[in-house]
Amino acid sequence: MTADQDGSHPPQRLGLLLAWHGAVTQTRMKRALGAAGLTPRHAMTLMHLEGGPISQRALADRLEVDPSVLVGVLNDLEGEGLAERRRDPADRRRHNVAITPAGEAALTKTNAALDEVEDGMFAGLSAQERDHLRALLDRVNASAEDFACDE
């Protein structure tokens, strides 16, 4: 009896299956974001700004990126008029970042595009199954240090 026959090595290893689905998801999401005019990193930044102004340092922490990387993202977003940095009146050394009305409009378009992708991808799952999948994925041992953004 071989390893495949006794069940110790399933025909589709879970890690490879997850990687394949992740790659398909990433491709579809990037395509949808591109149609909305944003990269994944720009979209995530705008999503974190949606709740109101936040310090640049806190934003870097939330996004789990080096502050120098965030500066480049914010330069792009400011250049497009989607976000703005202002000095904190209470501490002139600190910058607060806020989404602009144009950024809110871009985020609305982005969320609609992402909703369409997710609705198509998860059409075979009930709302309860989607919640269960989300909960299972939250338990997968992964860390930001292992992530390589290739945009």
C-alpha atoms as a PDB file:
ATOM      1  CA  MET A   1       0.000   0.000   0.000  1.00  0.00           C
ATOM      2  CA  THR A   2       1.420   3.421  -0.960  1.00  0.00           C
ATOM      3  CA  ALA A   3       1.233   6.584   1.130  1.00  0.00           C
ATOM      4  CA  ASP A   4      -1.524   7.912  -1.148  1.00  0.00           C
ATOM      5  CA  GLN A   5      -3.586   4.768  -0.701  1.00  0.00           C
ATOM      6  CA  ASP A   6      -3.402   4.733   3.112  1.00  0.00           C
ATOM      7  CA  GLY A   7      -4.534   8.359   3.360  1.00  0.00           C
ATOM      8  CA  SER A   8      -1.353   9.765   4.926  1.00  0.00           C
ATOM      9  CA  HIS A   9      -0.777  12.039   1.913  1.00  0.00           C
ATOM     10  CA  PRO A  10      -4.081  13.178   0.464  1.00  0.00           C
ATOM     11  CA  PRO A  11      -4.141  13.785  -3.283  1.00  0.00           C
ATOM     12  CA  GLN A  12      -4.510  17.511  -2.644  1.00  0.00           C
ATOM     13  CA  ARG A  13      -2.409  18.693   0.269  1.00  0.00           C
ATOM     14  CA  LEU A  14      -4.252  21.320   2.290  1.00  0.00           C
ATOM     15  CA  GLY A  15      -1.417  23.875   2.070  1.00  0.00           C
ATOM     16  CA  LEU A  16      -1.207  23.563  -1.712  1.00  0.00           C
ATOM     17  CA  LEU A  17      -4.974  23.720  -2.035  1.00  0.00           C
ATOM     18  CA  LEU A  18      -5.064  26.871   0.078  1.00  0.00           C
ATOM     19  CA  ALA A  19      -2.176  28.377  -1.939  1.00  0.00           C
ATOM     20  CA  TRP A  20      -3.975  27.663  -5.221  1.00  0.00           C
ATOM     21  CA  HIS A  21      -7.219  29.224  -3.998  1.00  0.00           C
ATOM     22  CA  GLY A  22      -5.229  32.140  -2.600  1.00  0.00           C
ATOM     23  CA  ALA A  23      -3.538  32.740  -5.944  1.00  0.00           C
ATOM     24  CA  VAL A  24      -6.879  32.651  -7.783  1.00  0.00           C
ATOM     25  CA  THR A  25      -8.395  34.995  -5.203  1.00  0.00           C
ATOM     26  CA  GLN A  26      -5.454  37.376  -5.433  1.00  0.00           C
ATOM     27  CA  THR A  27      -5.700  37.489  -9.226  1.00  0.00           C
ATOM     28  CA  ARG A  28      -9.425  38.229  -9.148  1.00  0.00           C
ATOM     29  CA  MET A  29      -9.070  40.841  -6.401  1.00  0.00           C
ATOM     30  CA  LYS A  30      -6.195  42.623  -8.159  1.00  0.00           C
ATOM     31  CA  ARG A  31      -8.211  42.692 -11.374  1.00  0.00           C
ATOM     32  CA  ALA A  32     -11.203  44.186  -9.539  1.00  0.00           C
ATOM     33  CA  LEU A  33      -9.040  46.722  -7.712  1.00  0.00           C
ATOM     34  CA  GLY A  34      -7.307  47.666 -10.942  1.00  0.00           C
ATOM     35  CA  ALA A  35     -10.681  48.387 -12.518  1.00  0.00           C
ATOM     36  CA  ALA A  36     -11.377  50.653  -9.537  1.00  0.00           C
ATOM     37  CA  GLY A  37      -7.970  52.301 -10.015  1.00  0.00           C
ATOM     38  CA  LEU A  38      -6.251  51.039  -6.852  1.00  0.00           C
ATOM     39  CA  THR A  39      -3.617  48.531  -5.814  1.00  0.00           C
ATOM     40  CA  PRO A  40      -4.346  46.149  -2.924  1.00  0.00           C
ATOM     41  CA  ARG A  41      -2.094  48.154  -0.614  1.00  0.00           C
ATOM     42  CA  HIS A  42      -3.793  51.443  -1.533  1.00  0.00           C
ATOM     43  CA  ALA A  43      -7.242  49.906  -1.025  1.00  0.00           C
ATOM     44  CA  MET A  44      -6.320  48.485   2.392  1.00  0.00           C
ATOM     45  CA  THR A  45      -4.970  51.863   3.461  1.00  0.00           C
ATOM     46  CA  LEU A  46      -8.174  53.635   2.432  1.00  0.00           C
ATOM     47  CA  MET A  47     -10.225  50.986   4.245  1.00  0.00           C
ATOM     48  CA  HIS A  48      -8.325  51.746   7.455  1.00  0.00           C
ATOM     49  CA  LEU A  49      -8.912  55.485   6.970  1.00  0.00           C
ATOM     50  CA  GLU A  50     -12.652  55.041   6.533  1.00  0.00           C
ATOM     51  CA  GLY A  51     -13.219  55.212  10.312  1.00  0.00           C
ATOM     52  CA  GLY A  52     -11.755  58.702  10.587  1.00  0.00           C
ATOM     53  CA  PRO A  53      -8.335  60.353  10.839  1.00  0.00           C
ATOM     54  CA  ILE A  54      -5.555  58.316  12.383  1.00  0.00           C
ATOM     55  CA  SER A  55      -1.925  59.002  13.186  1.00  0.00           C
ATOM     56  CA  GLN A  56       0.525  57.891  10.545  1.00  0.00           C
ATOM     57  CA  ARG A  57       2.313  55.668  13.087  1.00  0.00           C
ATOM     58  CA  ALA A  58      -0.918  53.974  14.189  1.00  0.00           C
ATOM     59  CA  LEU A  59      -1.844  53.425  10.539  1.00  0.00           C
ATOM     60  CA  ALA A  60       1.508  51.717   9.873  1.00  0.00           C
ATOM     61  CA  ASP A  61       0.889  49.483  12.893  1.00  0.00           C
ATOM     62  CA  ARG A  62      -2.631  48.564  11.727  1.00  0.00           C
ATOM     63  CA  LEU A  63      -1.401  47.766   8.233  1.00  0.00           C
ATOM     64  CA  GLU A  64       1.604  45.909   9.673  1.00  0.00           C
ATOM     65  CA  VAL A  65       4.015  47.715   7.345  1.00  0.00           C
ATOM     66  CA  ASP A  66       7.240  49.567   7.934  1.00  0.00           C
ATOM     67  CA  PRO A  67       6.617  53.326   8.277  1.00  0.00           C
ATOM     68  CA  SER A  68       8.885  53.951   5.273  1.00  0.00           C
ATOM     69  CA  VAL A  69       6.631  51.739   3.120  1.00  0.00           C
ATOM     70  CA  LEU A  70       3.573  53.631   4.337  1.00  0.00           C
ATOM     71  CA  VAL A  71       5.149  56.946   3.313  1.00  0.00           C
ATOM     72  CA  GLY A  72       5.288  55.722  -0.289  1.00  0.00           C
ATOM     73  CA  VAL A  73       1.681  54.531  -0.197  1.00  0.00           C
ATOM     74  CA  LEU A  74       0.514  57.832   1.303  1.00  0.00           C
ATOM     75  CA  ASN A  75       2.517  59.785  -1.281  1.00  0.00           C
ATOM     76  CA  ASP A  76       0.628  57.888  -3.994  1.00  0.00           C
ATOM     77  CA  LEU A  77      -2.770  58.411  -2.340  1.00  0.00           C
ATOM     78  CA  GLU A  78      -2.108  62.114  -1.737  1.00  0.00           C
ATOM     79  CA  GLY A  79      -0.941  62.518  -5.320  1.00  0.00           C
ATOM     80  CA  GLU A  80      -4.272  61.127  -6.493  1.00  0.00           C
ATOM     81  CA  GLY A  81      -6.209  63.288  -4.017  1.00  0.00           C
ATOM     82  CA  LEU A  82      -7.526  60.236  -2.131  1.00  0.00           C
ATOM     83  CA  ALA A  83      -5.953  60.920   1.273  1.00  0.00           C
ATOM     84  CA  GLU A  84      -4.259  63.784   3.058  1.00  0.00           C
ATOM     85  CA  ARG A  85      -1.736  64.172   5.854  1.00  0.00           C
ATOM     86  CA  ARG A  86      -1.992  67.010   8.331  1.00  0.00           C
ATOM     87  CA  ARG A  87       0.144  67.947  11.290  1.00  0.00           C
ATOM     88  CA  ASP A  88      -1.502  67.060  14.585  1.00  0.00           C
ATOM     89  CA  PRO A  89      -2.335  70.386  16.277  1.00  0.00           C
ATOM     90  CA  ALA A  90      -1.610  68.818  19.687  1.00  0.00           C
ATOM     91  CA  ASP A  91       1.796  67.453  18.611  1.00  0.00           C
ATOM     92  CA  ARG A  92       3.388  69.138  15.582  1.00  0.00           C
ATOM     93  CA  ARG A  93       5.831  66.223  15.188  1.00  0.00           C
ATOM     94  CA  ARG A  94       2.990  63.827  14.410  1.00  0.00           C
ATOM     95  CA  HIS A  95       0.967  63.543  11.192  1.00  0.00           C
ATOM     96  CA  ASN A  96      -2.657  62.489  11.071  1.00  0.00           C
ATOM     97  CA  VAL A  97      -3.956  60.869   7.909  1.00  0.00           C
ATOM     98  CA  ALA A  98      -7.515  61.234   6.623  1.00  0.00           C
ATOM     99  CA  ILE A  99      -9.457  60.001   3.638  1.00  0.00           C
ATOM    100  CA  THR A 100     -10.732  62.718   1.276  1.00  0.00           C
ATOM    101  CA  PRO A 101     -14.146  62.819  -0.423  1.00  0.00           C
ATOM    102  CA  ALA A 102     -12.457  61.541  -3.595  1.00  0.00           C
ATOM    103  CA  GLY A 103     -10.940  58.720  -1.523  1.00  0.00           C
ATOM    104  CA  GLU A 104     -14.372  57.853  -0.135  1.00  0.00           C
ATOM    105  CA  ALA A 105     -15.752  57.698  -3.686  1.00  0.00           C
ATOM    106  CA  ALA A 106     -12.860  55.469  -4.789  1.00  0.00           C
ATOM    107  CA  LEU A 107     -13.409  53.249  -1.761  1.00  0.00           C
ATOM    108  CA  THR A 108     -17.131  52.923  -2.559  1.00  0.00           C
ATOM    109  CA  LYS A 109     -16.235  51.828  -6.090  1.00  0.00           C
ATOM    110  CA  THR A 110     -13.572  49.472  -4.720  1.00  0.00           C
ATOM    111  CA  ASN A 111     -15.916  47.863  -2.206  1.00  0.00           C
ATOM    112  CA  ALA A 112     -18.525  47.292  -4.932  1.00  0.00           C
ATOM    113  CA  ALA A 113     -15.905  45.605  -7.137  1.00  0.00           C
ATOM    114  CA  LEU A 114     -14.657  43.439  -4.252  1.00  0.00           C
ATOM    115  CA  ASP A 115     -18.232  42.520  -3.273  1.00  0.00           C
ATOM    116  CA  GLU A 116     -18.812  41.279  -6.807  1.00  0.00           C
ATOM    117  CA  VAL A 117     -15.662  39.137  -6.713  1.00  0.00           C
ATOM    118  CA  GLU A 118     -16.492  37.685  -3.297  1.00  0.00           C
ATOM    119  CA  ASP A 119     -20.128  37.034  -4.213  1.00  0.00           C
ATOM    120  CA  GLY A 120     -18.956  35.092  -7.247  1.00  0.00           C
ATOM    121  CA  MET A 121     -16.269  33.167  -5.419  1.00  0.00           C
ATOM    122  CA  PHE A 122     -18.377  32.214  -2.420  1.00  0.00           C
ATOM    123  CA  ALA A 123     -21.732  31.788  -4.157  1.00  0.00           C
ATOM    124  CA  GLY A 124     -21.744  28.111  -3.192  1.00  0.00           C
ATOM    125  CA  LEU A 125     -21.463  28.930   0.518  1.00  0.00           C
ATOM    126  CA  SER A 126     -24.220  30.069   2.827  1.00  0.00           C
ATOM    127  CA  ALA A 127     -23.685  33.096   5.067  1.00  0.00           C
ATOM    128  CA  GLN A 128     -23.098  30.720   7.980  1.00  0.00           C
ATOM    129  CA  GLU A 129     -20.515  28.744   5.979  1.00  0.00           C
ATOM    130  CA  ARG A 130     -18.726  31.989   5.040  1.00  0.00           C
ATOM    131  CA  ASP A 131     -18.570  32.954   8.722  1.00  0.00           C
ATOM    132  CA  HIS A 132     -17.262  29.483   9.556  1.00  0.00           C
ATOM    133  CA  LEU A 133     -14.605  29.716   6.838  1.00  0.00           C
ATOM    134  CA  ARG A 134     -13.559  33.129   8.154  1.00  0.00           C
ATOM    135  CA  ALA A 135     -13.279  31.708  11.684  1.00  0.00           C
ATOM    136  CA  LEU A 136     -11.212  28.753  10.473  1.00  0.00           C
ATOM    137  CA  LEU A 137      -8.860  30.996   8.497  1.00  0.00           C
ATOM    138  CA  ASP A 138      -8.394  33.195  11.583  1.00  0.00           C
ATOM    139  CA  ARG A 139      -7.008  30.115  13.339  1.00  0.00           C
ATOM    140  CA  VAL A 140      -4.451  29.259  10.632  1.00  0.00           C
ATOM    141  CA  ASN A 141      -0.936  29.924  11.915  1.00  0.00           C
ATOM    142  CA  ALA A 142       0.301  32.769   9.712  1.00  0.00           C
ATOM    143  CA  SER A 143       2.074  36.016  10.491  1.00  0.00           C
ATOM    144  CA  ALA A 144       2.721  39.296   8.716  1.00  0.00           C
ATOM    145  CA  GLU A 145       6.464  38.565   8.749  1.00  0.00           C
ATOM    146  CA  ASP A 146       5.813  35.646   6.394  1.00  0.00           C
ATOM    147  CA  PHE A 147       3.958  37.814   3.873  1.00  0.00           C
ATOM    148  CA  ALA A 148       5.614  39.178   0.746  1.00  0.00           C
ATOM    149  CA  CYS A 149       3.592  41.785  -1.120  1.00  0.00           C
ATOM    150  CA  ASP A 150       4.494  41.697  -4.804  1.00  0.00           C
ATOM    151  CA  GLU A 151       2.495  44.608  -6.157  1.00  0.00           C
END
